[in-house]
Amino acid sequence: MSDNGADDQIAAIRAFNRFYTRKLGVLDQHLGKSPFSLSEARVLYELAHRDDVSAKEIGNELGLDPGYLSRIVQSFDEKGLITRKPLPADRRQHQLSLTAKGRQAFAKLNLGSQTEVAAMLAQLPAGEAARLTQAMATIEDVLEQRPSRRAAVVLRSHRVGDMGWVISKQAAAYAADYGWDISYEALVAEICAQFIKSYDAAREHCWIAEVGGEPVGSIFLVKATDEIAKLRLLQVEKKARGLGVGRALVQQCIDGARQRGYRRMTLWTQSILVAARGIYKAAGFELVAAKPHHSFGQDLIGETWERDL
């Protein structure tokens, strides 16, 4: 390639970067209408999707100056968004985890970002949104060095011992991520116990997702009425997020409901469960009702989502 050709490509990429950042508003003092800068939002994202990560690891991943990152971490700590504990191997380094308050801050930030992008896409002519996302996927595929193979996700039926695993993982995850109290564990235990006691294989099912032979997720299909199936207890372990486990479980539940003769499907979730809501929406569910309530030690907004089969 000639020097002129390379220069033209460099100029085109730099021009696109300027256009894109301006279009999404990431050069503003704060990201969207949140109190966080772009760099703070990126750190929040990493903390929300990784367990016990060190500040050094986040800095390397995001290419942030150590001094700047240290100030962000200190600010998060002072606001009660994170916890810090020394690394056993190097006590000068700290493991960082989001508190329940930090999870809620991230959920609000994430929802705001989704809303802004949705509004931008809504202004495009028919078909242009798909064209845009396909172009983005092409850019990502060209620039990102991907692993040659993705970990295989296997969905199997429940067996002895799985209900205890579901109860433990559900309770621990929601306590750590959102500060829910032990009353949620009681609810999950009741659901699992009732599922086993009244299990009807012709109308109900539980699927456990495994990666490398290890359980990493679960979902339940239960009978609401003769014509309506209910999706319950979708759960994906943090270490398996990004592998498509949640999408696979929800789709399997939908397919299972169809095979069992149901005509409609319903589920109940909470507004702060942003990732799950995104999966439900992508799978064709629509929000049909929302109601504030106080449960599991928190003020929440319960949501009912439904779809035809």
Protein backbone atom coordinates (compact mmCIF):
# COMPACT_ATOMS: atom_id res chain seq x y z
CA MET A 1 0.00 0.00 0.00
CA SER A 2 1.28 3.48 -0.83
CA ASP A 3 2.04 6.00 1.90
CA ASN A 4 -0.81 8.15 0.60
CA GLY A 5 -3.21 5.23 0.91
CA ALA A 6 -2.15 4.55 4.50
CA ASP A 7 -2.44 8.22 5.39
CA ASP A 8 -5.96 8.34 3.96
CA GLN A 9 -6.99 5.31 6.06
CA ILE A 10 -5.49 6.80 9.22
CA ALA A 11 -7.30 10.07 8.59
CA ALA A 12 -10.58 8.24 7.94
CA ILE A 13 -10.33 6.28 11.22
CA ARG A 14 -9.45 9.40 13.23
CA ALA A 15 -12.37 11.27 11.66
CA PHE A 16 -14.72 8.41 12.52
CA ASN A 17 -13.49 8.39 16.12
CA ARG A 18 -14.20 12.11 16.44
CA PHE A 19 -17.65 11.70 14.89
CA TYR A 20 -18.58 8.68 16.98
CA THR A 21 -17.54 10.10 20.34
CA ARG A 22 -19.35 13.33 19.53
CA LYS A 23 -22.48 11.41 18.46
CA LEU A 24 -22.67 9.41 21.68
CA GLY A 25 -21.84 12.39 23.85
CA VAL A 26 -18.93 10.73 25.61
CA LEU A 27 -16.88 13.95 25.48
CA ASP A 28 -19.33 15.59 27.87
CA GLN A 29 -18.15 16.20 31.43
CA HIS A 30 -20.36 13.36 32.60
CA LEU A 31 -21.69 10.30 30.81
CA GLY A 32 -25.27 10.99 29.80
CA LYS A 33 -27.16 12.38 32.79
CA SER A 34 -25.21 10.38 35.37
CA PRO A 35 -22.76 11.77 37.93
CA PHE A 36 -19.97 9.64 36.40
CA SER A 37 -17.32 10.53 33.86
CA LEU A 38 -16.64 8.16 30.98
CA SER A 39 -13.61 6.69 32.74
CA GLU A 40 -15.55 6.22 35.98
CA ALA A 41 -18.36 4.50 34.07
CA ARG A 42 -15.85 2.14 32.43
CA VAL A 43 -14.38 1.23 35.83
CA LEU A 44 -17.90 0.63 37.19
CA TYR A 45 -18.62 -1.65 34.24
CA GLU A 46 -15.50 -3.74 34.87
CA LEU A 47 -16.33 -4.05 38.57
CA ALA A 48 -19.90 -5.10 37.77
CA HIS A 49 -18.76 -7.89 35.47
CA ARG A 50 -15.70 -9.27 37.28
CA ASP A 51 -15.21 -10.83 40.70
CA ASP A 52 -12.59 -9.54 43.15
CA VAL A 53 -10.54 -7.76 40.50
CA SER A 54 -7.53 -5.62 41.44
CA ALA A 55 -7.12 -1.96 40.54
CA LYS A 56 -3.98 -2.90 38.61
CA GLU A 57 -5.93 -5.37 36.45
CA ILE A 58 -8.57 -2.76 35.67
CA GLY A 59 -5.90 -0.20 34.85
CA ASN A 60 -4.19 -2.60 32.45
CA GLU A 61 -7.50 -3.56 30.84
CA LEU A 62 -8.64 0.04 30.30
CA GLY A 63 -5.24 1.66 29.76
CA LEU A 64 -5.80 4.14 32.60
CA ASP A 65 -3.01 6.09 34.32
CA PRO A 66 -2.40 4.51 37.78
CA GLY A 67 -2.65 7.86 39.57
CA TYR A 68 -5.93 8.72 37.82
CA LEU A 69 -7.35 5.27 38.53
CA SER A 70 -6.31 5.57 42.18
CA ARG A 71 -8.32 8.77 42.50
CA ILE A 72 -11.37 7.06 40.93
CA VAL A 73 -11.06 4.12 43.33
CA GLN A 74 -10.70 6.47 46.31
CA SER A 75 -13.79 8.39 45.21
CA PHE A 76 -15.81 5.18 44.83
CA ASP A 77 -14.66 4.03 48.28
CA GLU A 78 -15.67 7.33 49.92
CA LYS A 79 -19.11 7.12 48.28
CA GLY A 80 -19.65 3.56 49.54
CA LEU A 81 -19.71 2.07 46.04
CA ILE A 82 -16.90 -0.46 46.57
CA THR A 83 -15.13 -2.57 49.17
CA ARG A 84 -11.37 -3.06 49.22
CA LYS A 85 -9.32 -5.86 50.74
CA PRO A 86 -5.56 -6.53 50.38
CA LEU A 87 -4.46 -9.21 47.94
CA PRO A 88 -2.90 -12.19 49.78
CA ALA A 89 0.01 -12.32 47.31
CA ASP A 90 0.74 -8.58 47.41
CA ARG A 91 -0.76 -6.54 50.22
CA ARG A 92 0.08 -3.33 48.38
CA GLN A 93 -2.63 -4.29 45.90
CA HIS A 94 -6.34 -4.51 46.71
CA GLN A 95 -9.22 -6.64 45.48
CA LEU A 96 -12.17 -4.44 44.55
CA SER A 97 -15.84 -5.41 44.68
CA LEU A 98 -19.01 -3.40 44.24
CA THR A 99 -21.26 -2.95 47.25
CA ALA A 100 -25.04 -3.18 46.94
CA LYS A 101 -25.04 0.62 46.57
CA GLY A 102 -22.45 0.29 43.81
CA ARG A 103 -24.56 -2.34 42.02
CA GLN A 104 -27.56 -0.04 42.15
CA ALA A 105 -25.47 2.86 40.81
CA PHE A 106 -24.27 0.71 37.92
CA ALA A 107 -27.79 -0.56 37.17
CA LYS A 108 -29.06 3.03 36.97
CA LEU A 109 -26.14 4.09 34.78
CA ASN A 110 -26.57 1.07 32.51
CA LEU A 111 -30.31 1.62 32.13
CA GLY A 112 -29.75 5.31 31.31
CA SER A 113 -27.22 4.40 28.64
CA GLN A 114 -29.58 1.81 27.14
CA THR A 115 -32.38 4.37 27.05
CA GLU A 116 -30.23 6.95 25.27
CA VAL A 117 -29.03 4.49 22.64
CA ALA A 118 -32.57 3.20 22.14
CA ALA A 119 -33.73 6.78 21.51
CA MET A 120 -30.96 7.26 18.95
CA LEU A 121 -31.90 4.02 17.14
CA ALA A 122 -35.59 4.97 17.14
CA GLN A 123 -34.79 7.99 14.96
CA LEU A 124 -33.27 5.85 12.20
CA PRO A 125 -35.27 4.78 9.13
CA ALA A 126 -36.52 1.20 8.96
CA GLY A 127 -33.69 -1.27 8.45
CA GLU A 128 -30.93 1.21 9.25
CA ALA A 129 -30.55 0.07 12.86
CA ALA A 130 -29.66 -3.45 11.68
CA ARG A 131 -27.24 -2.02 9.13
CA LEU A 132 -25.61 0.08 11.84
CA THR A 133 -25.15 -2.80 14.30
CA GLN A 134 -23.83 -5.07 11.54
CA ALA A 135 -21.23 -2.45 10.67
CA MET A 136 -20.25 -2.19 14.35
CA ALA A 137 -19.92 -5.96 14.57
CA THR A 138 -17.62 -5.89 11.54
CA ILE A 139 -15.41 -3.25 13.17
CA GLU A 140 -15.25 -5.23 16.41
CA ASP A 141 -14.50 -8.48 14.60
CA VAL A 142 -11.64 -6.92 12.63
CA LEU A 143 -10.01 -5.13 15.57
CA GLU A 144 -10.60 -7.57 18.42
CA GLN A 145 -8.39 -10.62 18.86
CA ARG A 146 -10.93 -13.30 19.73
CA PRO A 147 -10.29 -16.78 21.13
CA SER A 148 -10.47 -19.42 18.41
CA ARG A 149 -13.17 -21.33 20.27
CA ARG A 150 -15.87 -20.28 22.69
CA ALA A 151 -16.50 -22.38 25.76
CA ALA A 152 -19.32 -24.83 25.03
CA VAL A 153 -22.53 -24.32 27.01
CA VAL A 154 -24.49 -27.50 27.76
CA LEU A 155 -28.09 -27.42 29.04
CA ARG A 156 -29.26 -30.48 30.99
CA SER A 157 -32.28 -31.45 33.06
CA HIS A 158 -32.17 -31.07 36.84
CA ARG A 159 -31.09 -33.94 39.03
CA VAL A 160 -30.60 -34.72 42.73
CA GLY A 161 -28.63 -31.94 44.44
CA ASP A 162 -29.40 -29.22 41.91
CA MET A 163 -32.11 -27.52 43.99
CA GLY A 164 -29.66 -26.92 46.83
CA TRP A 165 -27.19 -25.42 44.34
CA VAL A 166 -29.88 -23.13 42.89
CA ILE A 167 -30.98 -21.89 46.33
CA SER A 168 -27.41 -21.23 47.48
CA LYS A 169 -26.27 -19.48 44.32
CA GLN A 170 -29.40 -17.37 43.94
CA ALA A 171 -29.31 -16.18 47.56
CA ALA A 172 -25.58 -15.42 47.57
CA ALA A 173 -25.64 -13.62 44.22
CA TYR A 174 -28.51 -11.27 45.03
CA ALA A 175 -27.17 -10.55 48.51
CA ALA A 176 -23.76 -9.64 47.09
CA ASP A 177 -24.99 -7.75 44.04
CA TYR A 178 -28.06 -5.96 45.37
CA GLY A 179 -28.07 -6.29 49.15
CA TRP A 180 -31.15 -8.52 49.31
CA ASP A 181 -31.67 -10.14 52.69
CA ILE A 182 -32.28 -13.75 53.70
CA SER A 183 -36.00 -13.51 52.96
CA TYR A 184 -35.10 -13.91 49.27
CA GLU A 185 -33.33 -17.17 50.06
CA ALA A 186 -36.52 -18.32 51.79
CA LEU A 187 -38.56 -17.47 48.69
CA VAL A 188 -36.21 -19.38 46.38
CA ALA A 189 -36.26 -22.36 48.74
CA GLU A 190 -40.08 -22.34 48.72
CA ILE A 191 -40.17 -22.19 44.91
CA CYS A 192 -37.69 -25.06 44.57
CA ALA A 193 -39.46 -27.18 47.21
CA GLN A 194 -42.85 -26.67 45.55
CA PHE A 195 -41.33 -27.48 42.15
CA ILE A 196 -40.04 -30.84 43.42
CA LYS A 197 -43.20 -31.70 45.37
CA SER A 198 -45.62 -31.05 42.50
CA TYR A 199 -43.30 -31.70 39.55
CA ASP A 200 -45.19 -32.59 36.37
CA ALA A 201 -42.71 -33.50 33.62
CA ALA A 202 -45.38 -33.05 30.97
CA ARG A 203 -45.90 -29.39 31.92
CA GLU A 204 -42.80 -28.25 33.84
CA HIS A 205 -39.03 -28.45 33.71
CA CYS A 206 -35.77 -27.10 35.12
CA TRP A 207 -32.61 -26.67 33.06
CA ILE A 208 -29.11 -26.39 34.47
CA ALA A 209 -26.42 -24.80 32.29
CA GLU A 210 -22.93 -26.26 32.47
CA VAL A 211 -19.57 -25.15 31.09
CA GLY A 212 -16.81 -27.73 31.29
CA GLY A 213 -19.04 -29.95 33.42
CA GLU A 214 -19.56 -27.24 36.06
CA PRO A 215 -23.00 -25.71 36.80
CA VAL A 216 -23.08 -22.02 35.86
CA GLY A 217 -26.78 -21.20 35.46
CA SER A 218 -30.37 -22.31 35.83
CA ILE A 219 -33.95 -21.59 34.80
CA PHE A 220 -37.39 -23.02 35.65
CA LEU A 221 -40.50 -23.51 33.53
CA VAL A 222 -43.59 -23.88 35.73
CA LYS A 223 -47.33 -24.01 35.15
CA ALA A 224 -49.29 -20.80 35.82
CA THR A 225 -52.54 -21.95 34.12
CA ASP A 226 -53.38 -24.56 31.50
CA GLU A 227 -52.48 -22.04 28.77
CA ILE A 228 -49.87 -19.83 30.49
CA ALA A 229 -46.35 -20.90 31.42
CA LYS A 230 -44.20 -19.04 33.92
CA LEU A 231 -40.46 -18.48 33.63
CA ARG A 232 -38.75 -18.43 37.05
CA LEU A 233 -35.33 -18.15 38.72
CA LEU A 234 -33.08 -17.29 35.79
CA GLN A 235 -29.54 -17.24 37.18
CA VAL A 236 -26.10 -17.03 35.53
CA GLU A 237 -22.86 -17.15 37.50
CA LYS A 238 -20.54 -14.17 36.96
CA LYS A 239 -17.73 -16.31 35.59
CA ALA A 240 -20.02 -17.51 32.79
CA ARG A 241 -21.38 -14.12 31.72
CA GLY A 242 -20.58 -13.19 28.15
CA LEU A 243 -20.90 -16.80 26.96
CA GLY A 244 -24.58 -16.52 26.01
CA VAL A 245 -25.73 -18.69 28.93
CA GLY A 246 -28.67 -16.45 29.87
CA ARG A 247 -29.92 -16.22 26.29
CA ALA A 248 -29.61 -19.98 25.83
CA LEU A 249 -31.54 -20.70 29.03
CA VAL A 250 -34.36 -18.30 28.20
CA GLN A 251 -34.69 -19.63 24.65
CA GLN A 252 -34.74 -23.21 25.94
CA CYS A 253 -37.48 -22.24 28.39
CA ILE A 254 -39.54 -20.66 25.58
CA ASP A 255 -39.06 -23.71 23.35
CA GLY A 256 -39.95 -26.00 26.24
CA ALA A 257 -43.17 -24.07 26.88
CA ARG A 258 -44.16 -24.35 23.21
CA GLN A 259 -43.47 -28.08 23.20
CA ARG A 260 -45.68 -28.50 26.26
CA GLY A 261 -48.63 -26.80 24.57
CA TYR A 262 -48.68 -23.44 26.34
CA ARG A 263 -50.01 -20.43 24.41
CA ARG A 264 -48.46 -17.63 26.43
CA MET A 265 -45.55 -17.05 28.80
CA THR A 266 -45.14 -14.70 31.75
CA LEU A 267 -42.40 -13.77 34.22
CA TRP A 268 -41.86 -11.45 37.18
CA THR A 269 -38.61 -9.54 37.60
CA GLN A 270 -37.25 -6.31 39.09
CA SER A 271 -36.37 -3.08 37.30
CA ILE A 272 -32.80 -3.10 38.64
CA LEU A 273 -32.00 -6.46 36.99
CA VAL A 274 -30.84 -4.76 33.82
CA ALA A 275 -29.03 -7.67 32.19
CA ALA A 276 -31.94 -10.07 32.65
CA ARG A 277 -34.43 -7.49 31.35
CA GLY A 278 -32.30 -7.11 28.22
CA ILE A 279 -32.38 -10.86 27.63
CA TYR A 280 -36.16 -10.98 28.10
CA LYS A 281 -36.71 -8.10 25.70
CA ALA A 282 -34.45 -9.65 23.06
CA ALA A 283 -36.40 -12.92 23.43
CA GLY A 284 -39.68 -11.20 22.56
CA PHE A 285 -41.09 -10.45 26.01
CA GLU A 286 -42.87 -7.14 26.58
CA LEU A 287 -43.27 -5.20 29.81
CA VAL A 288 -46.98 -5.21 30.70
CA ALA A 289 -47.03 -3.97 34.32
CA ALA A 290 -44.80 -2.37 36.94
CA LYS A 291 -45.47 -1.83 40.64
CA PRO A 292 -43.29 -0.54 43.51
CA HIS A 293 -42.93 -2.86 46.51
CA HIS A 294 -40.69 -3.44 49.52
CA SER A 295 -39.24 -6.94 49.53
CA PHE A 296 -35.99 -8.68 50.50
CA GLY A 297 -35.05 -5.64 52.59
CA GLN A 298 -35.11 -3.26 49.60
CA ASP A 299 -37.45 -0.81 47.88
CA LEU A 300 -37.97 -2.33 44.42
CA ILE A 301 -40.09 -1.99 41.31
CA GLY A 302 -41.55 -5.34 40.34
CA GLU A 303 -42.22 -5.89 36.64
CA THR A 304 -44.40 -8.37 34.79
CA TRP A 305 -43.26 -9.32 31.28
CA GLU A 306 -45.22 -11.48 28.83
CA ARG A 307 -45.08 -12.88 25.31
CA ASP A 308 -47.18 -15.06 23.05
CA LEU A 309 -45.89 -18.48 22.06
